[in-house]
Amino acid sequence: MDYRNNPKEFDDNTIIYGHNMKNGTMFGSLKKAYEKSWRNNEENLVISLDLPTGNYKFRIFSIYKVDYTTDYLVTKFSSNSSKEDFIKMITKRSVFNSGVNVGIDDKILTLSTCTGSNNRRLVVHAVLIKEGEEG
């Protein structure tokens, strides 16, 4: 988890980093999210995160590869408009249109790993599914 994130509750954007391991462990299988056939299975678009504070589910809404940058590694926003701009930026980068609406009150989970080539990153963003919403 990013050092700026609060480990006891979700920030605006909670970031988890993992190695892209060739044997498929850690974030080694995250590259499958980039494949359309993988995304066609709705179950694959839900991330389960089990923590000491509870079990949470997130719906993936953006997947992309990007040259090294830190612009998606923001944990808190100074204003509603800066969070709106962030959501627009990461949604626009996505290789697919998820149809998921993400707003300023939503909590975002970001998974980030290397792609194995030229300092590029594979990034997955998901929004916390609130109780009572369908997964």
N, C-alpha and C. Protein backbone atom coordinates (compact mmCIF):
# COMPACT_ATOMS: atom_id res chain seq x y z
N MET A 1 0.86 -1.18 0.00
CA MET A 1 0.00 0.00 0.00
C MET A 1 0.90 1.24 0.00
N ASP A 2 0.45 2.27 -0.67
CA ASP A 2 1.20 3.51 -0.71
C ASP A 2 1.39 4.04 0.72
N TYR A 3 2.57 4.56 1.00
CA TYR A 3 2.89 5.04 2.35
C TYR A 3 1.99 6.18 2.80
N ARG A 4 1.36 6.89 1.87
CA ARG A 4 0.48 8.01 2.23
C ARG A 4 -0.93 7.56 2.59
N ASN A 5 -1.27 6.32 2.26
CA ASN A 5 -2.61 5.82 2.55
C ASN A 5 -2.77 5.47 4.02
N ASN A 6 -4.00 5.64 4.50
CA ASN A 6 -4.35 5.26 5.86
C ASN A 6 -4.67 3.77 5.85
N PRO A 7 -3.93 2.95 6.59
CA PRO A 7 -4.17 1.50 6.55
C PRO A 7 -5.45 1.06 7.26
N LYS A 8 -6.12 1.97 7.97
CA LYS A 8 -7.31 1.59 8.73
C LYS A 8 -8.62 1.99 8.05
N GLU A 9 -8.54 2.86 7.06
CA GLU A 9 -9.73 3.24 6.30
C GLU A 9 -9.32 3.68 4.91
N PHE A 10 -10.26 3.67 4.00
CA PHE A 10 -9.95 4.01 2.61
C PHE A 10 -9.84 5.51 2.43
N ASP A 11 -8.80 5.92 1.72
CA ASP A 11 -8.65 7.31 1.31
C ASP A 11 -9.45 7.50 0.03
N ASP A 12 -9.41 8.71 -0.52
CA ASP A 12 -10.06 8.95 -1.81
C ASP A 12 -9.56 7.94 -2.84
N ASN A 13 -8.25 7.68 -2.81
CA ASN A 13 -7.63 6.75 -3.74
C ASN A 13 -6.62 5.91 -2.95
N THR A 14 -6.94 4.67 -2.71
CA THR A 14 -6.04 3.76 -2.01
C THR A 14 -5.24 3.01 -3.06
N ILE A 15 -3.92 3.08 -2.96
CA ILE A 15 -3.04 2.55 -3.99
C ILE A 15 -2.29 1.34 -3.46
N ILE A 16 -2.34 0.26 -4.22
CA ILE A 16 -1.60 -0.95 -3.89
C ILE A 16 -0.65 -1.25 -5.04
N TYR A 17 0.61 -1.43 -4.71
CA TYR A 17 1.64 -1.77 -5.69
C TYR A 17 1.95 -3.26 -5.56
N GLY A 18 2.27 -3.89 -6.67
CA GLY A 18 2.68 -5.28 -6.64
C GLY A 18 3.60 -5.58 -7.80
N HIS A 19 4.47 -6.56 -7.59
CA HIS A 19 5.38 -6.96 -8.66
C HIS A 19 4.64 -7.79 -9.71
N ASN A 20 5.01 -7.61 -10.94
CA ASN A 20 4.48 -8.38 -12.06
C ASN A 20 5.36 -9.63 -12.19
N MET A 21 5.05 -10.64 -11.40
CA MET A 21 5.88 -11.84 -11.34
C MET A 21 5.58 -12.76 -12.53
N LYS A 22 6.64 -13.29 -13.14
CA LYS A 22 6.47 -14.18 -14.29
C LYS A 22 5.71 -15.45 -13.94
N ASN A 23 5.80 -15.90 -12.68
CA ASN A 23 5.11 -17.13 -12.29
C ASN A 23 3.63 -16.88 -11.95
N GLY A 24 3.15 -15.65 -12.14
CA GLY A 24 1.74 -15.34 -11.94
C GLY A 24 1.37 -14.92 -10.53
N THR A 25 2.31 -14.96 -9.59
CA THR A 25 2.00 -14.54 -8.22
C THR A 25 2.03 -13.01 -8.14
N MET A 26 1.64 -12.51 -6.99
CA MET A 26 1.51 -11.08 -6.74
C MET A 26 0.63 -10.47 -7.84
N PHE A 27 1.14 -9.52 -8.61
CA PHE A 27 0.35 -8.91 -9.69
C PHE A 27 0.70 -9.50 -11.05
N GLY A 28 1.28 -10.69 -11.06
CA GLY A 28 1.67 -11.34 -12.31
C GLY A 28 0.50 -11.68 -13.22
N SER A 29 -0.68 -11.87 -12.64
CA SER A 29 -1.86 -12.18 -13.46
C SER A 29 -2.67 -10.94 -13.82
N LEU A 30 -2.27 -9.78 -13.33
CA LEU A 30 -3.03 -8.55 -13.59
C LEU A 30 -3.06 -8.20 -15.07
N LYS A 31 -2.07 -8.65 -15.81
CA LYS A 31 -2.03 -8.35 -17.25
C LYS A 31 -3.23 -8.93 -17.99
N LYS A 32 -3.88 -9.95 -17.41
CA LYS A 32 -5.08 -10.51 -18.04
C LYS A 32 -6.20 -9.48 -18.12
N ALA A 33 -6.22 -8.54 -17.19
CA ALA A 33 -7.27 -7.51 -17.18
C ALA A 33 -7.23 -6.66 -18.45
N TYR A 34 -6.10 -6.62 -19.11
CA TYR A 34 -5.94 -5.84 -20.33
C TYR A 34 -6.59 -6.53 -21.53
N GLU A 35 -6.90 -7.81 -21.39
CA GLU A 35 -7.47 -8.60 -22.48
C GLU A 35 -9.00 -8.50 -22.49
N LYS A 36 -9.55 -8.22 -23.67
CA LYS A 36 -11.00 -8.07 -23.81
C LYS A 36 -11.74 -9.33 -23.38
N SER A 37 -11.21 -10.50 -23.74
CA SER A 37 -11.88 -11.76 -23.39
C SER A 37 -11.97 -11.93 -21.87
N TRP A 38 -10.98 -11.46 -21.14
CA TRP A 38 -11.00 -11.54 -19.67
C TRP A 38 -12.07 -10.60 -19.11
N ARG A 39 -12.15 -9.40 -19.68
CA ARG A 39 -13.12 -8.40 -19.21
C ARG A 39 -14.56 -8.78 -19.55
N ASN A 40 -14.76 -9.65 -20.54
CA ASN A 40 -16.11 -10.06 -20.90
C ASN A 40 -16.79 -10.88 -19.81
N ASN A 41 -16.02 -11.45 -18.89
CA ASN A 41 -16.57 -12.18 -17.76
C ASN A 41 -16.79 -11.18 -16.62
N GLU A 42 -18.05 -10.86 -16.34
CA GLU A 42 -18.41 -9.85 -15.33
C GLU A 42 -17.78 -10.13 -13.97
N GLU A 43 -17.64 -11.39 -13.62
CA GLU A 43 -17.05 -11.74 -12.32
C GLU A 43 -15.62 -11.26 -12.20
N ASN A 44 -14.91 -11.19 -13.32
CA ASN A 44 -13.53 -10.73 -13.31
C ASN A 44 -13.41 -9.25 -12.98
N LEU A 45 -14.49 -8.51 -13.15
CA LEU A 45 -14.45 -7.06 -12.94
C LEU A 45 -14.69 -6.66 -11.49
N VAL A 46 -14.82 -7.65 -10.61
CA VAL A 46 -15.01 -7.37 -9.18
C VAL A 46 -13.77 -7.84 -8.43
N ILE A 47 -13.21 -6.92 -7.67
CA ILE A 47 -12.04 -7.20 -6.84
C ILE A 47 -12.51 -7.37 -5.41
N SER A 48 -12.14 -8.47 -4.79
CA SER A 48 -12.42 -8.69 -3.37
C SER A 48 -11.17 -8.34 -2.58
N LEU A 49 -11.35 -7.53 -1.56
CA LEU A 49 -10.24 -7.13 -0.71
C LEU A 49 -10.62 -7.43 0.74
N ASP A 50 -9.93 -8.39 1.32
CA ASP A 50 -10.22 -8.80 2.69
C ASP A 50 -9.17 -8.20 3.62
N LEU A 51 -9.64 -7.39 4.55
CA LEU A 51 -8.77 -6.70 5.50
C LEU A 51 -9.24 -6.99 6.92
N PRO A 52 -8.42 -6.71 7.91
CA PRO A 52 -8.86 -6.91 9.30
C PRO A 52 -10.12 -6.11 9.64
N THR A 53 -10.35 -5.00 8.92
CA THR A 53 -11.52 -4.15 9.18
C THR A 53 -12.78 -4.63 8.47
N GLY A 54 -12.66 -5.60 7.57
CA GLY A 54 -13.83 -6.11 6.86
C GLY A 54 -13.47 -6.64 5.49
N ASN A 55 -14.49 -7.16 4.82
CA ASN A 55 -14.34 -7.67 3.45
C ASN A 55 -15.02 -6.68 2.51
N TYR A 56 -14.30 -6.26 1.50
CA TYR A 56 -14.78 -5.21 0.61
C TYR A 56 -14.75 -5.70 -0.83
N LYS A 57 -15.63 -5.12 -1.63
CA LYS A 57 -15.67 -5.42 -3.06
C LYS A 57 -15.58 -4.10 -3.83
N PHE A 58 -14.82 -4.16 -4.92
CA PHE A 58 -14.62 -3.01 -5.79
C PHE A 58 -14.93 -3.42 -7.22
N ARG A 59 -15.54 -2.52 -7.99
CA ARG A 59 -15.85 -2.76 -9.41
C ARG A 59 -14.83 -2.02 -10.26
N ILE A 60 -14.16 -2.76 -11.14
CA ILE A 60 -13.17 -2.17 -12.04
C ILE A 60 -13.86 -1.25 -13.04
N PHE A 61 -13.31 -0.04 -13.18
CA PHE A 61 -13.88 0.89 -14.16
C PHE A 61 -12.84 1.44 -15.13
N SER A 62 -11.57 1.18 -14.89
CA SER A 62 -10.54 1.70 -15.79
C SER A 62 -9.32 0.79 -15.76
N ILE A 63 -8.81 0.47 -16.95
CA ILE A 63 -7.61 -0.35 -17.09
C ILE A 63 -6.79 0.29 -18.22
N TYR A 64 -5.52 0.51 -17.96
CA TYR A 64 -4.68 1.09 -19.01
C TYR A 64 -3.21 0.83 -18.73
N LYS A 65 -2.41 1.05 -19.78
CA LYS A 65 -0.95 1.06 -19.66
C LYS A 65 -0.51 2.49 -19.92
N VAL A 66 0.51 2.91 -19.19
CA VAL A 66 0.96 4.29 -19.30
C VAL A 66 2.47 4.34 -19.09
N ASP A 67 3.12 5.26 -19.80
CA ASP A 67 4.54 5.51 -19.53
C ASP A 67 4.65 6.01 -18.10
N TYR A 68 5.80 5.79 -17.48
CA TYR A 68 5.97 6.15 -16.08
C TYR A 68 5.50 7.57 -15.82
N THR A 69 4.62 7.71 -14.85
CA THR A 69 4.10 8.99 -14.39
C THR A 69 3.59 8.79 -12.97
N THR A 70 3.44 9.87 -12.26
CA THR A 70 2.87 9.77 -10.91
C THR A 70 1.50 10.45 -10.84
N ASP A 71 0.95 10.87 -11.97
CA ASP A 71 -0.31 11.62 -11.93
C ASP A 71 -1.51 10.81 -11.47
N TYR A 72 -1.43 9.49 -11.49
CA TYR A 72 -2.53 8.66 -10.99
C TYR A 72 -2.29 8.19 -9.56
N LEU A 73 -1.18 8.62 -8.96
CA LEU A 73 -0.80 8.18 -7.62
C LEU A 73 -1.13 9.23 -6.57
N VAL A 74 -2.32 9.77 -6.65
CA VAL A 74 -2.81 10.77 -5.71
C VAL A 74 -3.73 10.05 -4.71
N THR A 75 -3.52 10.27 -3.42
CA THR A 75 -4.32 9.58 -2.42
C THR A 75 -5.46 10.42 -1.87
N LYS A 76 -5.26 11.74 -1.83
CA LYS A 76 -6.28 12.67 -1.32
C LYS A 76 -6.35 13.87 -2.26
N PHE A 77 -7.51 14.49 -2.30
CA PHE A 77 -7.71 15.62 -3.21
C PHE A 77 -8.06 16.86 -2.42
N SER A 78 -7.55 17.99 -2.88
CA SER A 78 -7.74 19.26 -2.18
C SER A 78 -9.12 19.87 -2.42
N SER A 79 -9.79 19.42 -3.47
CA SER A 79 -11.11 19.96 -3.79
C SER A 79 -11.91 18.93 -4.58
N ASN A 80 -13.22 19.15 -4.63
CA ASN A 80 -14.08 18.28 -5.43
C ASN A 80 -13.71 18.34 -6.91
N SER A 81 -13.36 19.53 -7.39
CA SER A 81 -13.03 19.66 -8.81
C SER A 81 -11.73 18.93 -9.15
N SER A 82 -10.78 18.90 -8.23
CA SER A 82 -9.54 18.16 -8.52
C SER A 82 -9.81 16.66 -8.55
N LYS A 83 -10.73 16.18 -7.71
CA LYS A 83 -11.08 14.76 -7.76
C LYS A 83 -11.85 14.45 -9.04
N GLU A 84 -12.76 15.34 -9.43
CA GLU A 84 -13.50 15.15 -10.69
C GLU A 84 -12.53 15.08 -11.88
N ASP A 85 -11.55 15.97 -11.90
CA ASP A 85 -10.56 15.98 -12.98
C ASP A 85 -9.77 14.68 -12.99
N PHE A 86 -9.42 14.18 -11.81
CA PHE A 86 -8.68 12.92 -11.68
C PHE A 86 -9.52 11.77 -12.24
N ILE A 87 -10.78 11.70 -11.86
CA ILE A 87 -11.67 10.63 -12.33
C ILE A 87 -11.80 10.69 -13.84
N LYS A 88 -11.96 11.88 -14.40
CA LYS A 88 -12.04 12.03 -15.86
C LYS A 88 -10.77 11.54 -16.54
N MET A 89 -9.61 11.90 -15.98
CA MET A 89 -8.33 11.53 -16.57
C MET A 89 -8.16 10.01 -16.59
N ILE A 90 -8.40 9.35 -15.47
CA ILE A 90 -8.16 7.90 -15.41
C ILE A 90 -9.22 7.13 -16.18
N THR A 91 -10.42 7.67 -16.29
CA THR A 91 -11.48 7.01 -17.06
C THR A 91 -11.19 7.15 -18.56
N LYS A 92 -10.71 8.31 -18.97
CA LYS A 92 -10.40 8.55 -20.38
C LYS A 92 -9.27 7.65 -20.87
N ARG A 93 -8.33 7.31 -19.99
CA ARG A 93 -7.20 6.46 -20.37
C ARG A 93 -7.60 5.00 -20.58
N SER A 94 -8.74 4.59 -20.07
CA SER A 94 -9.11 3.19 -20.05
C SER A 94 -9.24 2.59 -21.44
N VAL A 95 -8.85 1.31 -21.55
CA VAL A 95 -8.96 0.59 -22.82
C VAL A 95 -10.38 0.10 -23.07
N PHE A 96 -11.28 0.27 -22.10
CA PHE A 96 -12.66 -0.13 -22.29
C PHE A 96 -13.58 0.84 -21.57
N ASN A 97 -14.84 0.86 -22.01
CA ASN A 97 -15.85 1.69 -21.37
C ASN A 97 -16.63 0.81 -20.41
N SER A 98 -16.42 1.00 -19.14
CA SER A 98 -17.04 0.15 -18.12
C SER A 98 -18.52 0.45 -17.90
N GLY A 99 -18.93 1.68 -18.20
CA GLY A 99 -20.30 2.08 -17.91
C GLY A 99 -20.54 2.36 -16.44
N VAL A 100 -19.48 2.31 -15.63
CA VAL A 100 -19.59 2.56 -14.19
C VAL A 100 -19.43 4.05 -13.93
N ASN A 101 -20.38 4.61 -13.20
CA ASN A 101 -20.29 6.02 -12.83
C ASN A 101 -19.52 6.14 -11.52
N VAL A 102 -18.49 6.98 -11.54
CA VAL A 102 -17.67 7.22 -10.36
C VAL A 102 -17.80 8.70 -10.01
N GLY A 103 -18.12 8.98 -8.76
CA GLY A 103 -18.31 10.35 -8.31
C GLY A 103 -17.33 10.77 -7.24
N ILE A 104 -17.44 12.02 -6.83
CA ILE A 104 -16.49 12.59 -5.88
C ILE A 104 -16.58 11.96 -4.49
N ASP A 105 -17.70 11.35 -4.16
CA ASP A 105 -17.84 10.72 -2.84
C ASP A 105 -17.38 9.27 -2.83
N ASP A 106 -17.04 8.73 -3.99
CA ASP A 106 -16.64 7.33 -4.09
C ASP A 106 -15.19 7.12 -3.66
N LYS A 107 -14.92 5.93 -3.17
CA LYS A 107 -13.56 5.51 -2.81
C LYS A 107 -13.01 4.67 -3.96
N ILE A 108 -11.79 4.98 -4.36
CA ILE A 108 -11.15 4.32 -5.49
C ILE A 108 -10.00 3.44 -4.99
N LEU A 109 -9.88 2.27 -5.58
CA LEU A 109 -8.75 1.38 -5.35
C LEU A 109 -7.93 1.36 -6.62
N THR A 110 -6.63 1.61 -6.50
CA THR A 110 -5.73 1.59 -7.64
C THR A 110 -4.72 0.48 -7.46
N LEU A 111 -4.58 -0.37 -8.47
CA LEU A 111 -3.55 -1.40 -8.51
C LEU A 111 -2.55 -0.99 -9.57
N SER A 112 -1.27 -1.01 -9.21
CA SER A 112 -0.23 -0.56 -10.13
C SER A 112 0.93 -1.55 -10.15
N THR A 113 1.35 -1.90 -11.36
CA THR A 113 2.49 -2.80 -11.52
C THR A 113 3.25 -2.42 -12.78
N CYS A 114 4.45 -2.95 -12.93
CA CYS A 114 5.21 -2.70 -14.15
C CYS A 114 4.69 -3.63 -15.25
N THR A 115 4.95 -3.26 -16.48
CA THR A 115 4.53 -4.10 -17.61
C THR A 115 5.66 -4.99 -18.08
N GLY A 116 6.87 -4.72 -17.60
CA GLY A 116 8.02 -5.49 -18.04
C GLY A 116 8.73 -4.89 -19.24
N SER A 117 8.24 -3.73 -19.71
CA SER A 117 8.91 -3.11 -20.86
C SER A 117 8.99 -1.60 -20.70
N ASN A 118 10.16 -1.08 -20.84
CA ASN A 118 10.42 0.36 -20.96
C ASN A 118 9.75 1.24 -19.92
N ASN A 119 9.78 0.83 -18.68
CA ASN A 119 9.31 1.69 -17.59
C ASN A 119 7.82 2.02 -17.68
N ARG A 120 7.05 1.21 -18.39
CA ARG A 120 5.60 1.42 -18.48
C ARG A 120 4.91 0.77 -17.29
N ARG A 121 3.73 1.25 -16.96
CA ARG A 121 2.94 0.71 -15.86
C ARG A 121 1.59 0.22 -16.37
N LEU A 122 1.14 -0.87 -15.77
CA LEU A 122 -0.22 -1.36 -15.97
C LEU A 122 -1.01 -0.92 -14.75
N VAL A 123 -2.12 -0.24 -14.99
CA VAL A 123 -2.89 0.35 -13.90
C VAL A 123 -4.34 -0.10 -14.01
N VAL A 124 -4.90 -0.48 -12.86
CA VAL A 124 -6.31 -0.87 -12.76
C VAL A 124 -6.93 -0.01 -11.67
N HIS A 125 -8.06 0.62 -11.99
CA HIS A 125 -8.81 1.42 -11.00
C HIS A 125 -10.17 0.77 -10.79
N ALA A 126 -10.58 0.72 -9.54
CA ALA A 126 -11.89 0.15 -9.20
C ALA A 126 -12.54 1.03 -8.14
N VAL A 127 -13.86 1.01 -8.12
CA VAL A 127 -14.62 1.83 -7.18
C VAL A 127 -15.25 0.93 -6.13
N LEU A 128 -15.25 1.38 -4.88
CA LEU A 128 -15.83 0.62 -3.80
C LEU A 128 -17.32 0.44 -4.03
N ILE A 129 -17.76 -0.81 -3.94
CA ILE A 129 -19.20 -1.11 -4.05
C ILE A 129 -19.81 -0.92 -2.68
N LYS A 130 -20.75 -0.01 -2.59
CA LYS A 130 -21.38 0.28 -1.31
C LYS A 130 -22.36 -0.81 -0.93
N GLU A 131 -22.55 -1.00 0.37
CA GLU A 131 -23.50 -2.03 0.83
C GLU A 131 -24.86 -1.80 0.18
N GLY A 132 -25.46 -2.88 -0.26
CA GLY A 132 -26.77 -2.80 -0.89
C GLY A 132 -26.70 -2.68 -2.40
N GLU A 133 -25.54 -2.30 -2.93
CA GLU A 133 -25.37 -2.25 -4.38
C GLU A 133 -25.00 -3.62 -4.87
N GLU A 134 -25.36 -3.91 -6.10
CA GLU A 134 -25.00 -5.20 -6.66
C GLU A 134 -23.54 -5.21 -7.03
N GLY A 135 -22.89 -6.38 -6.85
CA GLY A 135 -21.49 -6.55 -7.21
C GLY A 135 -21.40 -6.92 -8.60
